Amino acid sequence: METRTRKFGRWLHEGGYATEVEIELHYSKESWSPTMSLDDARKLDAVRLALKRGDIAEVAKHGRVFELKPVAAE
């Protein structure tokens, strides 16, 4: 079974913040779509919960954090 791995940036946003968390996608000939590890899934859940709590310091441990601001169209 040959498996290829590719790093992928997954964007998460909650409230006024967004972050890009790096995970690994695994591609195999036996699967129709890529999969990720359980550890990466747990990391995404932890980051999402930290965003909801507003714990920006915790989110910053896993990726860059961006503040979202509305832009008025003219």
PDB file of N, CA and C in Angstrom:
ATOM      1  N   MET A   1       0.833  -1.169   0.000  1.00  0.00           N
ATOM      2  CA  MET A   1       0.000   0.000   0.000  1.00  0.00           C
ATOM      3  C   MET A   1       0.891   1.250   0.000  1.00  0.00           C
ATOM      4  N   GLU A   2       0.824   2.022  -1.060  1.00  0.00           N
ATOM      5  CA  GLU A   2       1.622   3.231  -1.191  1.00  0.00           C
ATOM      6  C   GLU A   2       0.807   4.432  -0.723  1.00  0.00           C
ATOM      7  N   THR A   3       1.375   5.191   0.196  1.00  0.00           N
ATOM      8  CA  THR A   3       0.700   6.367   0.718  1.00  0.00           C
ATOM      9  C   THR A   3       1.597   7.582   0.527  1.00  0.00           C
ATOM     10  N   ARG A   4       1.022   8.634  -0.024  1.00  0.00           N
ATOM     11  CA  ARG A   4       1.733   9.902  -0.153  1.00  0.00           C
ATOM     12  C   ARG A   4       1.187  10.858   0.899  1.00  0.00           C
ATOM     13  N   THR A   5       2.045  11.749   1.361  1.00  0.00           N
ATOM     14  CA  THR A   5       1.654  12.726   2.366  1.00  0.00           C
ATOM     15  C   THR A   5       1.939  14.126   1.845  1.00  0.00           C
ATOM     16  N   ARG A   6       1.002  15.029   2.115  1.00  0.00           N
ATOM     17  CA  ARG A   6       1.160  16.423   1.708  1.00  0.00           C
ATOM     18  C   ARG A   6       0.718  17.334   2.844  1.00  0.00           C
ATOM     19  N   LYS A   7       1.516  18.348   3.122  1.00  0.00           N
ATOM     20  CA  LYS A   7       1.136  19.334   4.139  1.00  0.00           C
ATOM     21  C   LYS A   7       0.088  20.259   3.541  1.00  0.00           C
ATOM     22  N   PHE A   8      -0.880  20.638   4.379  1.00  0.00           N
ATOM     23  CA  PHE A   8      -2.025  21.415   3.924  1.00  0.00           C
ATOM     24  C   PHE A   8      -2.387  22.421   5.011  1.00  0.00           C
ATOM     25  N   GLY A   9      -2.660  23.647   4.628  1.00  0.00           N
ATOM     26  CA  GLY A   9      -3.092  24.662   5.582  1.00  0.00           C
ATOM     27  C   GLY A   9      -4.608  24.689   5.668  1.00  0.00           C
ATOM     28  N   ARG A  10      -5.148  24.427   6.833  1.00  0.00           N
ATOM     29  CA  ARG A  10      -6.601  24.407   7.045  1.00  0.00           C
ATOM     30  C   ARG A  10      -6.983  25.685   7.771  1.00  0.00           C
ATOM     31  N   TRP A  11      -7.883  26.462   7.176  1.00  0.00           N
ATOM     32  CA  TRP A  11      -8.329  27.718   7.761  1.00  0.00           C
ATOM     33  C   TRP A  11      -9.501  27.492   8.697  1.00  0.00           C
ATOM     34  N   LEU A  12      -9.414  28.107   9.882  1.00  0.00           N
ATOM     35  CA  LEU A  12     -10.498  28.081  10.852  1.00  0.00           C
ATOM     36  C   LEU A  12     -10.813  29.522  11.227  1.00  0.00           C
ATOM     37  N   HIS A  13     -12.083  29.831  11.407  1.00  0.00           N
ATOM     38  CA  HIS A  13     -12.430  31.174  11.884  1.00  0.00           C
ATOM     39  C   HIS A  13     -13.590  31.088  12.848  1.00  0.00           C
ATOM     40  N   GLU A  14     -13.536  31.979  13.808  1.00  0.00           N
ATOM     41  CA  GLU A  14     -14.572  32.039  14.834  1.00  0.00           C
ATOM     42  C   GLU A  14     -14.611  33.473  15.327  1.00  0.00           C
ATOM     43  N   GLY A  15     -15.788  34.071  15.324  1.00  0.00           N
ATOM     44  CA  GLY A  15     -15.906  35.451  15.770  1.00  0.00           C
ATOM     45  C   GLY A  15     -15.071  36.373  14.891  1.00  0.00           C
ATOM     46  N   GLY A  16     -14.226  37.163  15.513  1.00  0.00           N
ATOM     47  CA  GLY A  16     -13.417  38.123  14.777  1.00  0.00           C
ATOM     48  C   GLY A  16     -12.007  37.662  14.487  1.00  0.00           C
ATOM     49  N   TYR A  17     -11.728  36.351  14.628  1.00  0.00           N
ATOM     50  CA  TYR A  17     -10.375  35.837  14.424  1.00  0.00           C
ATOM     51  C   TYR A  17     -10.371  34.662  13.451  1.00  0.00           C
ATOM     52  N   ALA A  18      -9.232  34.499  12.783  1.00  0.00           N
ATOM     53  CA  ALA A  18      -9.025  33.358  11.887  1.00  0.00           C
ATOM     54  C   ALA A  18      -7.586  32.877  12.056  1.00  0.00           C
ATOM     55  N   THR A  19      -7.353  31.615  11.756  1.00  0.00           N
ATOM     56  CA  THR A  19      -6.009  31.060  11.817  1.00  0.00           C
ATOM     57  C   THR A  19      -5.847  29.996  10.728  1.00  0.00           C
ATOM     58  N   GLU A  20      -4.610  29.796  10.317  1.00  0.00           N
ATOM     59  CA  GLU A  20      -4.291  28.726   9.373  1.00  0.00           C
ATOM     60  C   GLU A  20      -3.457  27.700  10.128  1.00  0.00           C
ATOM     61  N   VAL A  21      -3.985  26.490  10.257  1.00  0.00           N
ATOM     62  CA  VAL A  21      -3.326  25.409  10.986  1.00  0.00           C
ATOM     63  C   VAL A  21      -2.806  24.402   9.972  1.00  0.00           C
ATOM     64  N   GLU A  22      -1.544  24.030  10.096  1.00  0.00           N
ATOM     65  CA  GLU A  22      -0.955  23.071   9.163  1.00  0.00           C
ATOM     66  C   GLU A  22      -1.244  21.645   9.611  1.00  0.00           C
ATOM     67  N   ILE A  23      -1.777  20.848   8.692  1.00  0.00           N
ATOM     68  CA  ILE A  23      -2.031  19.428   8.937  1.00  0.00           C
ATOM     69  C   ILE A  23      -1.430  18.636   7.784  1.00  0.00           C
ATOM     70  N   GLU A  24      -1.391  17.330   7.926  1.00  0.00           N
ATOM     71  CA  GLU A  24      -0.910  16.461   6.858  1.00  0.00           C
ATOM     72  C   GLU A  24      -2.076  15.654   6.300  1.00  0.00           C
ATOM     73  N   LEU A  25      -2.191  15.664   4.987  1.00  0.00           N
ATOM     74  CA  LEU A  25      -3.192  14.832   4.311  1.00  0.00           C
ATOM     75  C   LEU A  25      -2.486  13.609   3.740  1.00  0.00           C
ATOM     76  N   HIS A  26      -3.107  12.455   3.901  1.00  0.00           N
ATOM     77  CA  HIS A  26      -2.539  11.192   3.439  1.00  0.00           C
ATOM     78  C   HIS A  26      -3.365  10.682   2.257  1.00  0.00           C
ATOM     79  N   TYR A  27      -2.680  10.432   1.151  1.00  0.00           N
ATOM     80  CA  TYR A  27      -3.319   9.937  -0.065  1.00  0.00           C
ATOM     81  C   TYR A  27      -2.873   8.493  -0.297  1.00  0.00           C
ATOM     82  N   SER A  28      -3.825   7.614  -0.551  1.00  0.00           N
ATOM     83  CA  SER A  28      -3.484   6.230  -0.881  1.00  0.00           C
ATOM     84  C   SER A  28      -4.325   5.779  -2.068  1.00  0.00           C
ATOM     85  N   LYS A  29      -3.864   4.760  -2.753  1.00  0.00           N
ATOM     86  CA  LYS A  29      -4.583   4.247  -3.921  1.00  0.00           C
ATOM     87  C   LYS A  29      -5.889   3.566  -3.526  1.00  0.00           C
ATOM     88  N   GLU A  30      -6.000   3.134  -2.268  1.00  0.00           N
ATOM     89  CA  GLU A  30      -7.191   2.431  -1.809  1.00  0.00           C
ATOM     90  C   GLU A  30      -8.315   3.377  -1.395  1.00  0.00           C
ATOM     91  N   SER A  31      -8.023   4.662  -1.298  1.00  0.00           N
ATOM     92  CA  SER A  31      -9.014   5.613  -0.811  1.00  0.00           C
ATOM     93  C   SER A  31      -9.381   6.604  -1.908  1.00  0.00           C
ATOM     94  N   TRP A  32     -10.636   7.011  -1.941  1.00  0.00           N
ATOM     95  CA  TRP A  32     -11.104   7.983  -2.929  1.00  0.00           C
ATOM     96  C   TRP A  32     -10.683   9.397  -2.575  1.00  0.00           C
ATOM     97  N   SER A  33     -10.537   9.659  -1.300  1.00  0.00           N
ATOM     98  CA  SER A  33     -10.206  11.012  -0.873  1.00  0.00           C
ATOM     99  C   SER A  33      -9.090  10.960   0.171  1.00  0.00           C
ATOM    100  N   PRO A  34      -8.406  12.077   0.370  1.00  0.00           N
ATOM    101  CA  PRO A  34      -7.334  12.091   1.368  1.00  0.00           C
ATOM    102  C   PRO A  34      -7.898  11.985   2.781  1.00  0.00           C
ATOM    103  N   THR A  35      -7.063  11.526   3.688  1.00  0.00           N
ATOM    104  CA  THR A  35      -7.436  11.421   5.090  1.00  0.00           C
ATOM    105  C   THR A  35      -6.411  12.170   5.938  1.00  0.00           C
ATOM    106  N   MET A  36      -6.781  12.461   7.182  1.00  0.00           N
ATOM    107  CA  MET A  36      -5.832  13.056   8.120  1.00  0.00           C
ATOM    108  C   MET A  36      -5.760  12.184   9.354  1.00  0.00           C
ATOM    109  N   SER A  37      -4.717  12.376  10.121  1.00  0.00           N
ATOM    110  CA  SER A  37      -4.523  11.564  11.317  1.00  0.00           C
ATOM    111  C   SER A  37      -5.477  12.015  12.422  1.00  0.00           C
ATOM    112  N   LEU A  38      -5.663  11.150  13.386  1.00  0.00           N
ATOM    113  CA  LEU A  38      -6.490  11.474  14.545  1.00  0.00           C
ATOM    114  C   LEU A  38      -5.868  12.631  15.329  1.00  0.00           C
ATOM    115  N   ASP A  39      -4.538  12.669  15.409  1.00  0.00           N
ATOM    116  CA  ASP A  39      -3.863  13.769  16.109  1.00  0.00           C
ATOM    117  C   ASP A  39      -4.147  15.104  15.441  1.00  0.00           C
ATOM    118  N   ASP A  40      -4.124  15.147  14.099  1.00  0.00           N
ATOM    119  CA  ASP A  40      -4.433  16.386  13.391  1.00  0.00           C
ATOM    120  C   ASP A  40      -5.894  16.792  13.600  1.00  0.00           C
ATOM    121  N   ALA A  41      -6.800  15.829  13.623  1.00  0.00           N
ATOM    122  CA  ALA A  41      -8.219  16.134  13.871  1.00  0.00           C
ATOM    123  C   ALA A  41      -8.395  16.713  15.277  1.00  0.00           C
ATOM    124  N   ARG A  42      -7.710  16.144  16.253  1.00  0.00           N
ATOM    125  CA  ARG A  42      -7.787  16.652  17.625  1.00  0.00           C
ATOM    126  C   ARG A  42      -7.179  18.050  17.727  1.00  0.00           C
ATOM    127  N   LYS A  43      -6.083  18.279  16.977  1.00  0.00           N
ATOM    128  CA  LYS A  43      -5.468  19.603  16.985  1.00  0.00           C
ATOM    129  C   LYS A  43      -6.426  20.647  16.424  1.00  0.00           C
ATOM    130  N   LEU A  44      -7.118  20.320  15.330  1.00  0.00           N
ATOM    131  CA  LEU A  44      -8.090  21.251  14.758  1.00  0.00           C
ATOM    132  C   LEU A  44      -9.219  21.539  15.743  1.00  0.00           C
ATOM    133  N   ASP A  45      -9.702  20.522  16.436  1.00  0.00           N
ATOM    134  CA  ASP A  45     -10.752  20.717  17.442  1.00  0.00           C
ATOM    135  C   ASP A  45     -10.271  21.610  18.587  1.00  0.00           C
ATOM    136  N   ALA A  46      -9.041  21.380  19.051  1.00  0.00           N
ATOM    137  CA  ALA A  46      -8.491  22.178  20.146  1.00  0.00           C
ATOM    138  C   ALA A  46      -8.343  23.639  19.735  1.00  0.00           C
ATOM    139  N   VAL A  47      -7.883  23.874  18.520  1.00  0.00           N
ATOM    140  CA  VAL A  47      -7.718  25.245  18.033  1.00  0.00           C
ATOM    141  C   VAL A  47      -9.087  25.908  17.875  1.00  0.00           C
ATOM    142  N   ARG A  48     -10.055  25.188  17.349  1.00  0.00           N
ATOM    143  CA  ARG A  48     -11.404  25.736  17.180  1.00  0.00           C
ATOM    144  C   ARG A  48     -12.004  26.130  18.534  1.00  0.00           C
ATOM    145  N   LEU A  49     -11.832  25.285  19.541  1.00  0.00           N
ATOM    146  CA  LEU A  49     -12.339  25.593  20.881  1.00  0.00           C
ATOM    147  C   LEU A  49     -11.606  26.797  21.490  1.00  0.00           C
ATOM    148  N   ALA A  50     -10.292  26.888  21.265  1.00  0.00           N
ATOM    149  CA  ALA A  50      -9.530  28.036  21.767  1.00  0.00           C
ATOM    150  C   ALA A  50      -9.999  29.323  21.103  1.00  0.00           C
ATOM    151  N   LEU A  51     -10.316  29.265  19.812  1.00  0.00           N
ATOM    152  CA  LEU A  51     -10.856  30.446  19.132  1.00  0.00           C
ATOM    153  C   LEU A  51     -12.186  30.860  19.754  1.00  0.00           C
ATOM    154  N   LYS A  52     -13.040  29.889  20.039  1.00  0.00           N
ATOM    155  CA  LYS A  52     -14.338  30.199  20.652  1.00  0.00           C
ATOM    156  C   LYS A  52     -14.186  30.843  22.020  1.00  0.00           C
ATOM    157  N   ARG A  53     -13.182  30.393  22.788  1.00  0.00           N
ATOM    158  CA  ARG A  53     -12.935  30.956  24.114  1.00  0.00           C
ATOM    159  C   ARG A  53     -12.249  32.313  24.034  1.00  0.00           C
ATOM    160  N   GLY A  54     -11.681  32.624  22.875  1.00  0.00           N
ATOM    161  CA  GLY A  54     -10.918  33.865  22.731  1.00  0.00           C
ATOM    162  C   GLY A  54      -9.501  33.741  23.257  1.00  0.00           C
ATOM    163  N   ASP A  55      -8.997  32.501  23.372  1.00  0.00           N
ATOM    164  CA  ASP A  55      -7.653  32.231  23.887  1.00  0.00           C
ATOM    165  C   ASP A  55      -6.653  32.328  22.732  1.00  0.00           C
ATOM    166  N   ILE A  56      -6.310  33.567  22.370  1.00  0.00           N
ATOM    167  CA  ILE A  56      -5.462  33.804  21.210  1.00  0.00           C
ATOM    168  C   ILE A  56      -4.050  33.267  21.424  1.00  0.00           C
ATOM    169  N   ALA A  57      -3.546  33.304  22.654  1.00  0.00           N
ATOM    170  CA  ALA A  57      -2.211  32.766  22.948  1.00  0.00           C
ATOM    171  C   ALA A  57      -2.141  31.277  22.620  1.00  0.00           C
ATOM    172  N   GLU A  58      -3.182  30.525  22.948  1.00  0.00           N
ATOM    173  CA  GLU A  58      -3.222  29.091  22.638  1.00  0.00           C
ATOM    174  C   GLU A  58      -3.316  28.866  21.136  1.00  0.00           C
ATOM    175  N   VAL A  59      -4.135  29.650  20.456  1.00  0.00           N
ATOM    176  CA  VAL A  59      -4.284  29.519  19.003  1.00  0.00           C
ATOM    177  C   VAL A  59      -2.953  29.797  18.313  1.00  0.00           C
ATOM    178  N   ALA A  60      -2.218  30.792  18.794  1.00  0.00           N
ATOM    179  CA  ALA A  60      -0.952  31.191  18.180  1.00  0.00           C
ATOM    180  C   ALA A  60       0.115  30.094  18.270  1.00  0.00           C
ATOM    181  N   LYS A  61      -0.052  29.137  19.174  1.00  0.00           N
ATOM    182  CA  LYS A  61       0.888  28.012  19.270  1.00  0.00           C
ATOM    183  C   LYS A  61       0.794  27.101  18.055  1.00  0.00           C
ATOM    184  N   HIS A  62      -0.335  27.149  17.350  1.00  0.00           N
ATOM    185  CA  HIS A  62      -0.575  26.218  16.247  1.00  0.00           C
ATOM    186  C   HIS A  62      -0.561  26.873  14.873  1.00  0.00           C
ATOM    187  N   GLY A  63      -0.542  28.194  14.820  1.00  0.00           N
ATOM    188  CA  GLY A  63      -0.535  28.867  13.520  1.00  0.00           C
ATOM    189  C   GLY A  63      -0.639  30.371  13.680  1.00  0.00           C
ATOM    190  N   ARG A  64      -0.568  31.051  12.564  1.00  0.00           N
ATOM    191  CA  ARG A  64      -0.705  32.508  12.582  1.00  0.00           C
ATOM    192  C   ARG A  64      -2.155  32.875  12.856  1.00  0.00           C
ATOM    193  N   VAL A  65      -2.358  33.963  13.595  1.00  0.00           N
ATOM    194  CA  VAL A  65      -3.702  34.413  13.951  1.00  0.00           C
ATOM    195  C   VAL A  65      -3.964  35.738  13.253  1.00  0.00           C
ATOM    196  N   PHE A  66      -5.160  35.856  12.681  1.00  0.00           N
ATOM    197  CA  PHE A  66      -5.558  37.060  11.976  1.00  0.00           C
ATOM    198  C   PHE A  66      -6.818  37.614  12.619  1.00  0.00           C
ATOM    199  N   GLU A  67      -6.877  38.936  12.712  1.00  0.00           N
ATOM    200  CA  GLU A  67      -8.078  39.590  13.196  1.00  0.00           C
ATOM    201  C   GLU A  67      -8.903  40.003  11.984  1.00  0.00           C
ATOM    202  N   LEU A  68     -10.166  39.635  11.990  1.00  0.00           N
ATOM    203  CA  LEU A  68     -11.055  39.952  10.871  1.00  0.00           C
ATOM    204  C   LEU A  68     -11.787  41.248  11.149  1.00  0.00           C
ATOM    205  N   LYS A  69     -11.753  42.135  10.169  1.00  0.00           N
ATOM    206  CA  LYS A  69     -12.455  43.417  10.304  1.00  0.00           C
ATOM    207  C   LYS A  69     -13.323  43.622   9.082  1.00  0.00           C
ATOM    208  N   PRO A  70     -14.557  44.084   9.260  1.00  0.00           N
ATOM    209  CA  PRO A  70     -15.426  44.330   8.112  1.00  0.00           C
ATOM    210  C   PRO A  70     -14.918  45.512   7.289  1.00  0.00           C
ATOM    211  N   VAL A  71     -15.130  45.409   6.001  1.00  0.00           N
ATOM    212  CA  VAL A  71     -14.733  46.474   5.069  1.00  0.00           C
ATOM    213  C   VAL A  71     -15.972  47.004   4.398  1.00  0.00           C
ATOM    214  N   ALA A  72     -16.142  48.313   4.409  1.00  0.00           N
ATOM    215  CA  ALA A  72     -17.304  48.919   3.765  1.00  0.00           C
ATOM    216  C   ALA A  72     -17.059  49.022   2.269  1.00  0.00           C
ATOM    217  N   ALA A  73     -18.010  48.545   1.498  1.00  0.00           N
ATOM    218  CA  ALA A  73     -17.907  48.650   0.038  1.00  0.00           C
ATOM    219  C   ALA A  73     -18.325  50.045  -0.394  1.00  0.00           C
ATOM    220  N   GLU A  74     -17.577  50.595  -1.306  1.00  0.00           N
ATOM    221  CA  GLU A  74     -17.897  51.957  -1.783  1.00  0.00           C
ATOM    222  C   GLU A  74     -18.223  51.920  -3.250  1.00  0.00           C
TER     223      GLU A  74
END
